[in-house]
Amino acid sequence: MELSPSAHQDTFTRDHLPPGEQWPVLEFTLPELQYPDRLNAAEALIDDTAAAMGADRTALLTPDGERWSYGLLLERSNQVARVLAEDLGVVPGNRVMLRAPNNPWLVACWLGVLKAGAVVVTTMPALRAGEIGTLMELTRPTAVLCDHRFLDDMRAAAGEVPVVPVGGDDDGDLTVLSAAKPASFTNVQTAADDVALLGPTSGTTGTPKITMHFHRDILANADTFARHILQPVADDVFAGSPPLAFTFGLGGLVVFPLRFGASALLTERTTPAQLAELSRQAGATVLFTAPTAYRAIIKEGLADLLRPLRMAVSAGEHLPEATWREVKKETGLELVNGIGSTEMLHVFISAAGSDIRPGATGRTVPGFRATILGPDDEEVAPGEIGRLAVIGPTGCRYLDDPRQENYVVNGWNVTGDTFRQDADGYFYYQARSDDMIVSSGYNIGAPEVEAALNQHPDVLESAVIGRPDPERGSIVLAFVVLRENVPPGDAKAVELQDFVKQVIAPYKYPRAISFVDELPRNPSGKLQHFKLREIVETAQA
């Protein structure tokens, strides 16, 4: 695909895009996806929205009562851009790494980087020096903006790269440097297809894959999923648990509200119960969190806190039908299910309102199309199980990574998820492709077994994997977290096995159960099944 003339002086990202023959097909089928050749996503999100909706409108809220208006966010992002360009020598195309929990200054930094024409790389505060060092080697930032509370690991990993603290009161802190700058900035007129952000993938083993997203991509996920499924209005207040370092959180808590003149509640770290309470206090109308969090809120008797929501979105992991029905029964809310990926930037299959079919992930979001591919990479008939493949205005572009060839097949983005599609175009999740367990010739989806186990009143959560077995090939092994004060043991294991046999086909029951205190999750809350497989492999070695 021919790219527009770039505004980047530092051509690192253009130089490391995949070869053209490895790109997915890109389609811009909706009028709202027809973006101009020159486009700065930050300008569209904050300058244009502040001008259209008014500078006094609330943009960001915090649990301690802090309020940033659109005008204040615009001024501070302009000042950040000035510090980058004038004090740190950042030029268009340089990468700038951000490290902070969800708070207003992180949003100002994110916008400021884009305004300066640089490329943003947002990382998690939970990462350690070795993990940060790997990301720095891959993305080669020229500057780092880091929350003042998380400097030690960052400085250990940064080497000679300058690290500017954020949120403190030292003379060298970004907040102090910014305050000395004028509140205006001339945005760099980047190309719509200049790289705007580099997003590391999560939840996998080995070296992280770095996804590359253009300025137009950032707006496209708002103009597809948000515009057509969530249908935001300016009075909406968005809230949620995902970190802004993950594209699910970036969309739900920054891009979507700013695109439509709404506001967002930013919480640095919360339990599900705290999230529900803070969302209620802030008057949240749209909530983003994982199925696990919705289950926890219901089990703690806090369903009433969710009732005022206009819309509750579940993503990040599979939403079992039982959880959907439980939330509906207890709160009246019909959870908006969806599947997306870091490679595609956000959700591309979903449904809302009367379009929801319990148990289905949904249909393709306007602007996307999807299908199911069989073992020969050809499309299969409705009802057949295979690999989910999708095409739309966004697509996978890994930063200089041979794994690009595995993700893109004949122009399709192949997500690594096993689905089936019915005759009406609804997609039904089966498992991650590597979470499908074959036992004695039966295909058993780990999520189905987990959903059955989680219905037991004594089970807080569970994770299921296949364990190699000489007779059956594999058996279903369940890791189970019990409610407090419920004793584990052989009798409880048998009780759970019998329970599962009553909920789903008996051959799918877990033949082995391991009781654990907690399950491994990445910072976004996604279950890390690969770590459980590593435990099993180590035990059998």
Protein backbone atom coordinates (compact mmCIF):
# COMPACT_ATOMS: atom_id res chain seq x y z
CA MET A 1 0.00 0.00 0.00
CA GLU A 2 1.34 3.44 -0.91
CA LEU A 3 1.79 5.70 2.11
CA SER A 4 1.37 9.48 2.31
CA PRO A 5 4.43 11.72 2.66
CA SER A 6 5.45 11.45 6.31
CA ALA A 7 5.89 14.34 8.73
CA HIS A 8 8.41 12.28 10.69
CA GLN A 9 12.00 13.49 10.71
CA ASP A 10 12.96 10.31 12.56
CA THR A 11 11.90 7.56 10.13
CA PHE A 12 12.34 4.62 12.54
CA THR A 13 8.70 3.51 12.50
CA ARG A 14 8.23 3.83 8.73
CA ASP A 15 11.50 1.95 8.25
CA HIS A 16 10.31 -0.95 10.41
CA LEU A 17 6.80 -1.46 9.07
CA PRO A 18 6.21 -4.97 7.69
CA PRO A 19 6.77 -5.51 3.97
CA GLY A 20 3.73 -4.52 1.94
CA GLU A 21 2.97 -8.11 0.91
CA GLN A 22 2.54 -9.05 4.59
CA TRP A 23 -0.02 -6.34 5.33
CA PRO A 24 -3.65 -7.24 5.92
CA VAL A 25 -6.34 -5.90 3.64
CA LEU A 26 -7.61 -2.52 4.90
CA GLU A 27 -11.15 -1.33 4.16
CA PHE A 28 -12.75 2.06 4.81
CA THR A 29 -16.39 1.35 4.02
CA LEU A 30 -18.11 3.97 6.20
CA PRO A 31 -18.33 7.71 5.44
CA GLU A 32 -16.92 8.52 8.88
CA LEU A 33 -13.76 6.54 8.06
CA GLN A 34 -12.79 8.84 5.18
CA TYR A 35 -10.07 10.78 6.97
CA PRO A 36 -7.98 13.59 5.43
CA ASP A 37 -4.41 12.83 4.35
CA ARG A 38 -3.01 15.09 7.08
CA LEU A 39 -4.34 14.13 10.48
CA ASN A 40 -3.08 14.49 14.05
CA ALA A 41 -5.21 12.31 16.32
CA ALA A 42 -4.54 14.48 19.37
CA GLU A 43 -5.74 17.58 17.55
CA ALA A 44 -8.95 15.78 16.60
CA LEU A 45 -9.52 14.51 20.14
CA ILE A 46 -8.76 17.57 22.25
CA ASP A 47 -8.38 20.76 20.13
CA ASP A 48 -11.38 20.07 17.92
CA THR A 49 -13.59 18.73 20.72
CA ALA A 50 -12.78 21.63 23.05
CA ALA A 51 -13.64 24.07 20.26
CA ALA A 52 -16.88 22.29 19.39
CA MET A 53 -18.14 21.45 22.89
CA GLY A 54 -16.68 24.28 24.98
CA ALA A 55 -13.51 24.54 27.03
CA ASP A 56 -15.41 24.46 30.34
CA ARG A 57 -16.90 21.01 29.75
CA THR A 58 -15.53 18.33 32.09
CA ALA A 59 -13.06 15.95 30.45
CA LEU A 60 -11.42 14.01 33.29
CA LEU A 61 -12.36 13.16 36.87
CA THR A 62 -10.51 11.44 39.72
CA PRO A 63 -11.84 9.74 42.87
CA ASP A 64 -10.35 12.48 45.09
CA GLY A 65 -12.43 15.17 43.42
CA GLU A 66 -9.96 16.49 40.87
CA ARG A 67 -11.63 17.82 37.73
CA TRP A 68 -9.92 18.69 34.46
CA SER A 69 -11.95 20.60 31.90
CA TYR A 70 -11.37 20.23 28.16
CA GLY A 71 -9.69 23.63 28.26
CA LEU A 72 -7.30 22.61 31.05
CA LEU A 73 -6.47 19.31 29.35
CA LEU A 74 -5.79 21.17 26.10
CA GLU A 75 -3.48 23.67 27.83
CA ARG A 76 -1.52 21.01 29.70
CA SER A 77 -1.13 18.76 26.68
CA ASN A 78 0.14 21.79 24.74
CA GLN A 79 2.63 22.53 27.52
CA VAL A 80 3.80 18.90 27.55
CA ALA A 81 4.36 19.10 23.80
CA ARG A 82 6.46 22.24 24.32
CA VAL A 83 8.60 20.56 26.99
CA LEU A 84 9.20 17.63 24.64
CA ALA A 85 10.12 19.78 21.67
CA GLU A 86 11.89 22.68 23.40
CA ASP A 87 13.56 21.11 26.44
CA LEU A 88 14.08 17.47 25.43
CA GLY A 89 14.73 17.99 21.74
CA VAL A 90 12.06 15.53 20.64
CA VAL A 91 11.44 15.69 16.89
CA PRO A 92 8.55 14.18 14.90
CA GLY A 93 8.92 10.42 14.67
CA ASN A 94 10.93 10.03 17.91
CA ARG A 95 9.43 7.56 20.35
CA VAL A 96 8.47 8.77 23.84
CA MET A 97 7.80 6.16 26.52
CA LEU A 98 5.18 6.82 29.21
CA ARG A 99 4.96 5.01 32.54
CA ALA A 100 2.15 5.88 34.95
CA PRO A 101 -1.12 4.60 36.38
CA ASN A 102 -4.42 5.94 35.04
CA ASN A 103 -4.55 9.63 35.93
CA PRO A 104 -5.08 12.98 34.15
CA TRP A 105 -1.37 13.73 33.72
CA LEU A 106 -0.90 10.47 31.82
CA VAL A 107 -3.63 11.58 29.38
CA ALA A 108 -1.99 15.01 29.00
CA CYS A 109 1.34 13.30 28.29
CA TRP A 110 -0.22 10.95 25.76
CA LEU A 111 -1.86 13.82 23.89
CA GLY A 112 1.26 15.96 24.15
CA VAL A 113 3.43 13.29 22.54
CA LEU A 114 1.07 13.06 19.56
CA LYS A 115 0.80 16.83 19.26
CA ALA A 116 4.59 17.00 18.98
CA GLY A 117 4.44 14.49 16.12
CA ALA A 118 6.22 11.86 18.19
CA VAL A 119 5.20 8.22 18.68
CA VAL A 120 3.82 7.21 22.07
CA VAL A 121 4.76 3.98 23.88
CA THR A 122 2.71 3.60 27.07
CA THR A 123 3.85 1.01 29.62
CA MET A 124 2.56 -0.39 32.89
CA PRO A 125 3.84 0.76 36.29
CA ALA A 126 3.86 -2.91 37.33
CA LEU A 127 6.64 -3.81 34.87
CA ARG A 128 10.11 -4.42 36.28
CA ALA A 129 13.41 -3.11 34.96
CA GLY A 130 14.11 -6.18 32.81
CA GLU A 131 10.69 -6.01 31.16
CA ILE A 132 10.99 -2.27 30.58
CA GLY A 133 14.48 -2.78 29.16
CA THR A 134 13.13 -5.24 26.60
CA LEU A 135 10.49 -2.74 25.47
CA MET A 136 13.09 0.00 25.25
CA GLU A 137 15.32 -2.17 23.07
CA LEU A 138 12.41 -2.85 20.74
CA THR A 139 10.97 0.67 20.51
CA ARG A 140 14.13 2.80 21.07
CA PRO A 141 12.59 5.82 22.81
CA THR A 142 14.49 9.09 22.94
CA ALA A 143 12.77 10.28 26.14
CA VAL A 144 10.71 8.87 28.99
CA LEU A 145 7.95 10.55 31.02
CA CYS A 146 7.47 8.55 34.23
CA ASP A 147 5.24 9.02 37.26
CA HIS A 148 7.48 10.19 40.12
CA ARG A 149 6.42 7.22 42.26
CA PHE A 150 7.77 4.67 39.76
CA LEU A 151 11.18 6.03 38.86
CA ASP A 152 13.58 3.41 40.24
CA ASP A 153 12.94 0.57 37.76
CA MET A 154 12.53 3.07 34.96
CA ARG A 155 15.89 4.72 35.56
CA ALA A 156 17.55 1.33 35.92
CA ALA A 157 16.26 0.33 32.49
CA ALA A 158 16.64 3.67 30.69
CA GLY A 159 20.42 3.94 30.67
CA GLU A 160 21.34 7.16 28.85
CA VAL A 161 17.76 7.94 27.80
CA PRO A 162 16.50 10.98 29.77
CA VAL A 163 13.75 10.20 32.29
CA VAL A 164 11.51 13.09 33.34
CA PRO A 165 9.44 12.57 36.52
CA VAL A 166 5.74 13.46 36.46
CA GLY A 167 3.53 14.49 39.38
CA GLY A 168 6.15 15.60 41.87
CA ASP A 169 7.31 19.04 42.95
CA ASP A 170 11.01 18.96 42.02
CA ASP A 171 12.28 21.61 39.64
CA GLY A 172 12.85 18.98 36.96
CA ASP A 173 9.35 17.50 37.23
CA LEU A 174 7.19 17.70 34.11
CA THR A 175 4.43 19.49 36.01
CA VAL A 176 6.87 22.23 37.01
CA LEU A 177 8.49 22.45 33.58
CA SER A 178 5.07 22.58 31.91
CA ALA A 179 3.81 25.37 34.15
CA ALA A 180 6.57 27.63 32.83
CA LYS A 181 5.48 27.13 29.20
CA PRO A 182 2.86 29.02 27.18
CA ALA A 183 -0.46 27.16 26.94
CA SER A 184 -0.48 27.13 23.14
CA PHE A 185 1.25 24.81 20.68
CA THR A 186 1.23 24.42 16.92
CA ASN A 187 0.40 20.77 16.35
CA VAL A 188 2.65 18.85 13.98
CA GLN A 189 0.62 18.08 10.86
CA THR A 190 1.29 14.39 10.73
CA ALA A 191 0.05 12.14 7.95
CA ALA A 192 -3.04 10.09 8.70
CA ASP A 193 -0.85 7.02 8.11
CA ASP A 194 2.10 8.17 10.20
CA VAL A 195 2.61 5.83 13.15
CA ALA A 196 1.13 7.39 16.30
CA LEU A 197 1.56 4.66 18.89
CA LEU A 198 3.41 1.43 19.52
CA GLY A 199 1.42 -1.04 21.60
CA PRO A 200 3.08 -4.09 23.18
CA THR A 201 0.93 -7.21 23.19
CA SER A 202 0.16 -8.87 26.51
CA GLY A 203 -0.34 -12.32 27.91
CA THR A 204 2.14 -14.24 25.77
CA THR A 205 5.48 -15.90 26.33
CA GLY A 206 8.77 -14.85 24.83
CA THR A 207 9.63 -11.44 23.37
CA PRO A 208 6.62 -9.09 23.24
CA LYS A 209 5.21 -8.23 19.84
CA ILE A 210 4.98 -4.49 19.22
CA THR A 211 1.91 -3.42 17.27
CA MET A 212 2.05 -0.25 15.15
CA HIS A 213 -0.97 2.04 14.84
CA PHE A 214 -1.51 5.11 12.67
CA HIS A 215 -3.18 8.39 13.63
CA ARG A 216 -6.25 7.40 11.62
CA ASP A 217 -6.43 4.06 13.47
CA ILE A 218 -6.92 5.85 16.79
CA LEU A 219 -9.99 7.62 15.46
CA ALA A 220 -11.26 4.57 13.58
CA ASN A 221 -11.86 2.53 16.72
CA ALA A 222 -14.00 5.40 18.04
CA ASP A 223 -15.84 5.79 14.74
CA THR A 224 -16.71 2.09 14.53
CA PHE A 225 -17.26 0.32 17.87
CA ALA A 226 -17.90 3.39 20.00
CA ARG A 227 -20.03 5.31 17.50
CA HIS A 228 -22.19 2.39 16.36
CA ILE A 229 -22.36 0.09 19.40
CA LEU A 230 -21.92 2.35 22.44
CA GLN A 231 -23.47 5.42 20.79
CA PRO A 232 -21.88 7.89 23.25
CA VAL A 233 -23.40 11.25 24.09
CA ALA A 234 -21.70 14.27 25.60
CA ASP A 235 -23.31 13.70 29.00
CA ASP A 236 -21.80 10.22 29.34
CA VAL A 237 -19.24 9.52 32.06
CA PHE A 238 -16.92 6.62 31.17
CA ALA A 239 -15.29 4.50 33.87
CA GLY A 240 -13.38 1.25 33.95
CA SER A 241 -10.54 -0.88 35.22
CA PRO A 242 -8.22 -1.41 32.21
CA PRO A 243 -4.91 0.48 32.23
CA LEU A 244 -4.35 3.09 29.52
CA ALA A 245 -1.25 1.13 28.50
CA PHE A 246 -3.65 -1.43 27.00
CA THR A 247 -5.64 -0.46 23.94
CA PHE A 248 -8.90 -1.61 25.56
CA GLY A 249 -8.38 0.99 28.31
CA LEU A 250 -7.02 3.63 25.96
CA GLY A 251 -10.16 3.42 23.84
CA GLY A 252 -12.68 3.20 26.64
CA LEU A 253 -11.21 5.85 28.93
CA VAL A 254 -9.49 8.33 26.60
CA VAL A 255 -10.30 8.06 22.90
CA PHE A 256 -14.03 7.33 23.12
CA PRO A 257 -14.99 10.02 25.66
CA LEU A 258 -12.79 12.68 24.04
CA ARG A 259 -14.06 11.87 20.56
CA PHE A 260 -17.67 12.54 21.64
CA GLY A 261 -17.21 15.33 24.19
CA ALA A 262 -17.92 13.09 27.19
CA SER A 263 -15.88 12.68 30.39
CA ALA A 264 -13.92 9.86 32.02
CA LEU A 265 -13.32 8.80 35.61
CA LEU A 266 -9.69 7.70 35.98
CA THR A 267 -8.84 5.38 38.86
CA GLU A 268 -5.27 4.33 39.51
CA ARG A 269 -5.97 0.97 41.12
CA THR A 270 -9.20 -0.50 42.42
CA THR A 271 -10.83 -3.76 43.42
CA PRO A 272 -14.05 -4.59 41.57
CA ALA A 273 -16.05 -3.46 44.61
CA GLN A 274 -14.17 -0.14 44.78
CA LEU A 275 -14.63 0.37 41.04
CA ALA A 276 -18.37 -0.10 41.42
CA GLU A 277 -18.55 2.31 44.35
CA LEU A 278 -16.41 5.00 42.70
CA SER A 279 -18.31 4.71 39.43
CA ARG A 280 -21.60 5.20 41.26
CA GLN A 281 -20.25 8.24 43.12
CA ALA A 282 -18.99 9.81 39.88
CA GLY A 283 -22.29 9.24 38.08
CA ALA A 284 -20.73 6.90 35.54
CA THR A 285 -22.96 5.88 32.67
CA VAL A 286 -20.62 3.57 30.72
CA LEU A 287 -18.41 1.00 32.47
CA PHE A 288 -15.57 -1.06 30.99
CA THR A 289 -14.26 -4.08 32.88
CA ALA A 290 -13.74 -7.83 32.63
CA PRO A 291 -16.34 -10.57 33.29
CA THR A 292 -14.40 -11.54 36.43
CA ALA A 293 -15.02 -8.08 37.89
CA TYR A 294 -18.75 -8.15 37.14
CA ARG A 295 -19.00 -11.56 38.83
CA ALA A 296 -17.11 -10.27 41.88
CA ILE A 297 -19.35 -7.20 42.18
CA ILE A 298 -22.47 -9.39 42.08
CA LYS A 299 -21.07 -11.94 44.55
CA GLU A 300 -20.23 -9.15 47.01
CA GLY A 301 -23.84 -8.01 46.98
CA LEU A 302 -23.13 -4.71 45.21
CA ALA A 303 -25.38 -5.16 42.19
CA ASP A 304 -27.34 -2.00 43.05
CA LEU A 305 -24.23 0.10 42.39
CA LEU A 306 -24.37 -0.92 38.72
CA ARG A 307 -28.03 -0.20 38.11
CA PRO A 308 -27.61 3.50 37.17
CA LEU A 309 -25.29 2.61 34.27
CA ARG A 310 -26.54 3.20 30.75
CA MET A 311 -24.20 0.58 29.36
CA ALA A 312 -21.79 -2.00 30.80
CA VAL A 313 -19.09 -3.37 28.51
CA SER A 314 -17.36 -6.69 29.03
CA ALA A 315 -14.13 -7.48 27.21
CA GLY A 316 -10.59 -8.59 27.82
CA GLU A 317 -11.66 -12.21 28.22
CA HIS A 318 -14.56 -14.47 27.28
CA LEU A 319 -17.96 -13.56 28.74
CA PRO A 320 -19.79 -16.78 29.72
CA GLU A 321 -23.51 -16.81 29.08
CA ALA A 322 -24.13 -17.65 32.76
CA THR A 323 -22.36 -14.43 33.80
CA TRP A 324 -24.38 -12.41 31.29
CA ARG A 325 -27.64 -13.82 32.64
CA GLU A 326 -26.59 -13.34 36.26
CA VAL A 327 -25.76 -9.66 35.68
CA LYS A 328 -29.03 -9.19 33.81
CA LYS A 329 -30.99 -10.79 36.66
CA GLU A 330 -29.29 -8.81 39.43
CA THR A 331 -28.94 -5.40 37.77
CA GLY A 332 -31.19 -5.30 34.72
CA LEU A 333 -28.13 -4.52 32.57
CA GLU A 334 -27.49 -6.42 29.37
CA LEU A 335 -23.70 -6.64 29.20
CA VAL A 336 -22.21 -5.57 25.88
CA ASN A 337 -19.90 -8.41 24.93
CA GLY A 338 -17.10 -7.98 22.44
CA ILE A 339 -13.82 -9.23 21.14
CA GLY A 340 -10.90 -7.12 20.02
CA SER A 341 -7.14 -7.37 19.95
CA THR A 342 -4.10 -5.17 20.41
CA GLU A 343 -3.30 -5.86 16.75
CA MET A 344 -6.67 -4.43 15.66
CA LEU A 345 -6.58 -1.74 18.40
CA HIS A 346 -10.06 -2.36 19.82
CA VAL A 347 -13.33 -4.28 19.53
CA PHE A 348 -14.46 -5.50 16.09
CA ILE A 349 -17.25 -7.97 16.99
CA SER A 350 -19.98 -6.94 19.43
CA ALA A 351 -23.68 -6.26 19.91
CA ALA A 352 -25.83 -4.02 22.07
CA GLY A 353 -29.47 -3.66 23.03
CA SER A 354 -31.97 -5.75 21.09
CA ASP A 355 -29.16 -7.02 18.87
CA ILE A 356 -27.66 -9.04 21.74
CA ARG A 357 -27.99 -12.81 21.72
CA PRO A 358 -26.95 -14.24 25.10
CA GLY A 359 -24.01 -16.58 24.63
CA ALA A 360 -22.88 -14.94 21.39
CA THR A 361 -20.01 -12.48 21.21
CA GLY A 362 -22.01 -10.54 18.64
CA ARG A 363 -21.81 -9.62 14.98
CA THR A 364 -19.17 -7.65 13.14
CA VAL A 365 -19.06 -4.01 14.17
CA PRO A 366 -19.94 -1.65 11.27
CA GLY A 367 -16.76 -1.03 9.32
CA PHE A 368 -15.47 -4.59 9.78
CA ARG A 369 -16.18 -7.99 8.27
CA ALA A 370 -15.22 -11.38 9.68
CA THR A 371 -15.29 -15.05 8.81
CA ILE A 372 -14.18 -18.47 10.06
CA LEU A 373 -11.22 -20.17 8.44
CA GLY A 374 -10.66 -23.92 8.37
CA PRO A 375 -7.35 -25.85 8.46
CA ASP A 376 -6.71 -25.07 4.77
CA ASP A 377 -7.19 -21.30 5.34
CA GLU A 378 -10.46 -21.40 3.39
CA GLU A 379 -13.77 -20.07 4.73
CA VAL A 380 -16.01 -22.72 6.31
CA ALA A 381 -19.78 -23.08 6.34
CA PRO A 382 -21.99 -21.65 9.14
CA GLY A 383 -21.86 -23.79 12.25
CA GLU A 384 -18.37 -25.13 11.63
CA ILE A 385 -15.62 -24.36 14.11
CA GLY A 386 -12.42 -22.67 12.98
CA ARG A 387 -10.13 -19.68 13.36
CA LEU A 388 -11.61 -16.19 13.56
CA ALA A 389 -10.43 -13.87 10.79
CA VAL A 390 -11.27 -10.18 10.40
CA ILE A 391 -10.76 -7.27 7.99
CA GLY A 392 -11.50 -3.60 8.62
CA PRO A 393 -10.02 -0.09 8.77
CA THR A 394 -7.33 -1.23 11.22
CA GLY A 395 -5.03 -4.22 10.96
CA CYS A 396 -1.95 -5.98 12.25
CA ARG A 397 1.41 -4.36 11.63
CA TYR A 398 4.12 -5.70 13.91
CA LEU A 399 7.30 -3.72 14.43
CA ASP A 400 10.00 -5.63 12.50
CA ASP A 401 8.74 -9.05 13.64
CA PRO A 402 8.63 -12.30 11.62
CA ARG A 403 5.46 -13.29 13.50
CA GLN A 404 3.62 -10.90 11.15
CA GLU A 405 3.35 -13.79 8.68
CA ASN A 406 1.47 -15.90 11.23
CA TYR A 407 -1.12 -13.24 12.04
CA VAL A 408 -2.01 -12.20 8.49
CA VAL A 409 -3.34 -14.96 6.22
CA ASN A 410 -4.46 -14.09 2.68
CA GLY A 411 -5.17 -10.54 3.80
CA TRP A 412 -7.17 -11.60 6.88
CA ASN A 413 -6.14 -10.78 10.43
CA VAL A 414 -6.25 -14.19 12.17
CA THR A 415 -6.60 -13.54 15.88
CA GLY A 416 -5.74 -16.90 17.40
CA ASP A 417 -9.32 -17.44 18.63
CA THR A 418 -11.54 -20.40 17.80
CA PHE A 419 -15.13 -19.45 16.93
CA ARG A 420 -18.16 -20.61 15.05
CA GLN A 421 -20.58 -18.39 13.14
CA ASP A 422 -24.30 -19.07 12.78
CA ALA A 423 -26.45 -18.44 9.73
CA ASP A 424 -27.49 -15.00 11.06
CA GLY A 425 -23.89 -13.78 11.31
CA TYR A 426 -23.49 -14.13 15.08
CA PHE A 427 -20.11 -15.34 16.32
CA TYR A 428 -19.78 -17.77 19.22
CA TYR A 429 -16.50 -18.04 21.09
CA GLN A 430 -15.09 -21.52 21.64
CA ALA A 431 -11.57 -20.95 23.02
CA ARG A 432 -8.25 -19.41 22.32
CA SER A 433 -6.80 -21.64 19.65
CA ASP A 434 -4.19 -22.90 22.12
CA ASP A 435 -6.83 -23.42 24.84
CA MET A 436 -8.78 -26.06 22.92
CA ILE A 437 -8.29 -29.36 24.74
CA VAL A 438 -8.48 -32.61 22.77
CA SER A 439 -9.21 -35.49 25.15
CA SER A 440 -9.99 -39.00 23.87
CA GLY A 441 -10.95 -37.45 20.53
CA TYR A 442 -13.32 -34.88 22.05
CA ASN A 443 -12.76 -31.14 21.52
CA ILE A 444 -13.30 -29.40 24.86
CA GLY A 445 -13.16 -25.61 25.14
CA ALA A 446 -11.51 -24.47 28.35
CA PRO A 447 -13.82 -21.42 28.72
CA GLU A 448 -16.92 -23.63 28.78
CA VAL A 449 -15.53 -25.67 31.66
CA GLU A 450 -14.47 -22.52 33.50
CA ALA A 451 -17.96 -21.08 33.09
CA ALA A 452 -19.49 -24.23 34.55
CA LEU A 453 -17.15 -24.26 37.54
CA ASN A 454 -17.72 -20.56 38.22
CA GLN A 455 -21.44 -21.18 38.66
CA HIS A 456 -20.74 -23.19 41.82
CA PRO A 457 -21.43 -20.97 44.86
CA ASP A 458 -18.10 -21.86 46.50
CA VAL A 459 -15.96 -20.99 43.45
CA LEU A 460 -14.60 -17.46 43.16
CA GLU A 461 -12.83 -18.13 39.86
CA SER A 462 -11.18 -20.90 37.88
CA ALA A 463 -8.81 -21.51 35.01
CA VAL A 464 -8.73 -24.64 32.88
CA ILE A 465 -5.94 -26.10 30.75
CA GLY A 466 -5.14 -29.43 29.15
CA ARG A 467 -2.62 -31.70 30.91
CA PRO A 468 -0.83 -34.33 28.83
CA ASP A 469 -2.10 -37.84 29.54
CA PRO A 470 -0.72 -41.11 28.10
CA GLU A 471 -4.15 -42.71 27.68
CA ARG A 472 -6.40 -39.81 26.66
CA GLY A 473 -3.88 -37.52 25.00
CA SER A 474 -4.92 -34.75 27.37
CA ILE A 475 -7.20 -34.41 30.36
CA VAL A 476 -8.99 -31.34 31.65
CA LEU A 477 -7.13 -29.80 34.59
CA ALA A 478 -8.84 -27.04 36.57
CA PHE A 479 -7.16 -24.54 38.89
CA VAL A 480 -9.79 -23.32 41.34
CA VAL A 481 -9.92 -20.41 43.80
CA LEU A 482 -12.50 -21.06 46.52
CA ARG A 483 -14.42 -18.54 48.56
CA GLU A 484 -12.87 -17.52 51.86
CA ASN A 485 -13.30 -20.09 54.65
CA VAL A 486 -14.29 -22.86 52.21
CA PRO A 487 -11.82 -25.72 52.80
CA PRO A 488 -10.26 -27.44 49.76
CA GLY A 489 -9.72 -31.17 49.57
CA ASP A 490 -10.68 -34.37 47.80
CA ALA A 491 -14.33 -34.15 48.87
CA LYS A 492 -14.66 -30.62 47.48
CA ALA A 493 -12.99 -31.69 44.24
CA VAL A 494 -15.49 -34.52 43.76
CA GLU A 495 -18.33 -32.12 44.57
CA LEU A 496 -17.14 -29.72 41.89
CA GLN A 497 -16.66 -32.49 39.34
CA ASP A 498 -20.20 -33.76 39.93
CA PHE A 499 -21.51 -30.21 39.68
CA VAL A 500 -19.86 -29.67 36.30
CA LYS A 501 -21.33 -32.93 34.99
CA GLN A 502 -24.79 -31.53 35.74
CA VAL A 503 -24.12 -28.22 33.95
CA ILE A 504 -22.37 -29.35 30.75
CA ALA A 505 -21.77 -32.64 28.95
CA PRO A 506 -20.23 -35.06 31.48
CA TYR A 507 -17.21 -35.87 29.29
CA LYS A 508 -16.06 -32.26 29.67
CA TYR A 509 -15.67 -32.37 33.46
CA PRO A 510 -12.23 -31.65 34.97
CA ARG A 511 -10.59 -34.98 35.76
CA ALA A 512 -8.02 -33.15 37.89
CA ILE A 513 -8.55 -30.15 40.17
CA SER A 514 -5.85 -28.08 41.84
CA PHE A 515 -6.91 -25.61 44.53
CA VAL A 516 -4.91 -22.37 44.51
CA ASP A 517 -5.01 -19.05 46.36
CA GLU A 518 -4.97 -16.95 43.19
CA LEU A 519 -4.70 -17.22 39.42
CA PRO A 520 -1.96 -15.60 37.33
CA ARG A 521 -3.16 -12.50 35.53
CA ASN A 522 -1.47 -9.78 33.54
CA PRO A 523 -1.83 -6.14 34.67
CA SER A 524 -5.02 -5.75 32.62
CA GLY A 525 -6.60 -8.65 34.53
CA LYS A 526 -6.46 -11.19 31.72
CA LEU A 527 -5.91 -14.81 32.77
CA GLN A 528 -2.48 -16.10 31.80
CA HIS A 529 -3.15 -19.74 30.97
CA PHE A 530 0.38 -20.15 29.64
CA LYS A 531 1.77 -19.72 33.16
CA LEU A 532 -0.40 -22.57 34.37
CA ARG A 533 0.86 -24.71 31.50
CA GLU A 534 4.41 -23.84 32.53
CA ILE A 535 3.64 -25.04 36.08
CA VAL A 536 2.39 -28.36 34.72
CA GLU A 537 5.36 -28.76 32.38
CA THR A 538 7.79 -28.09 35.24
CA ALA A 539 6.03 -30.59 37.50
CA GLN A 540 6.18 -33.30 34.82
CA ALA A 541 9.81 -32.65 33.86
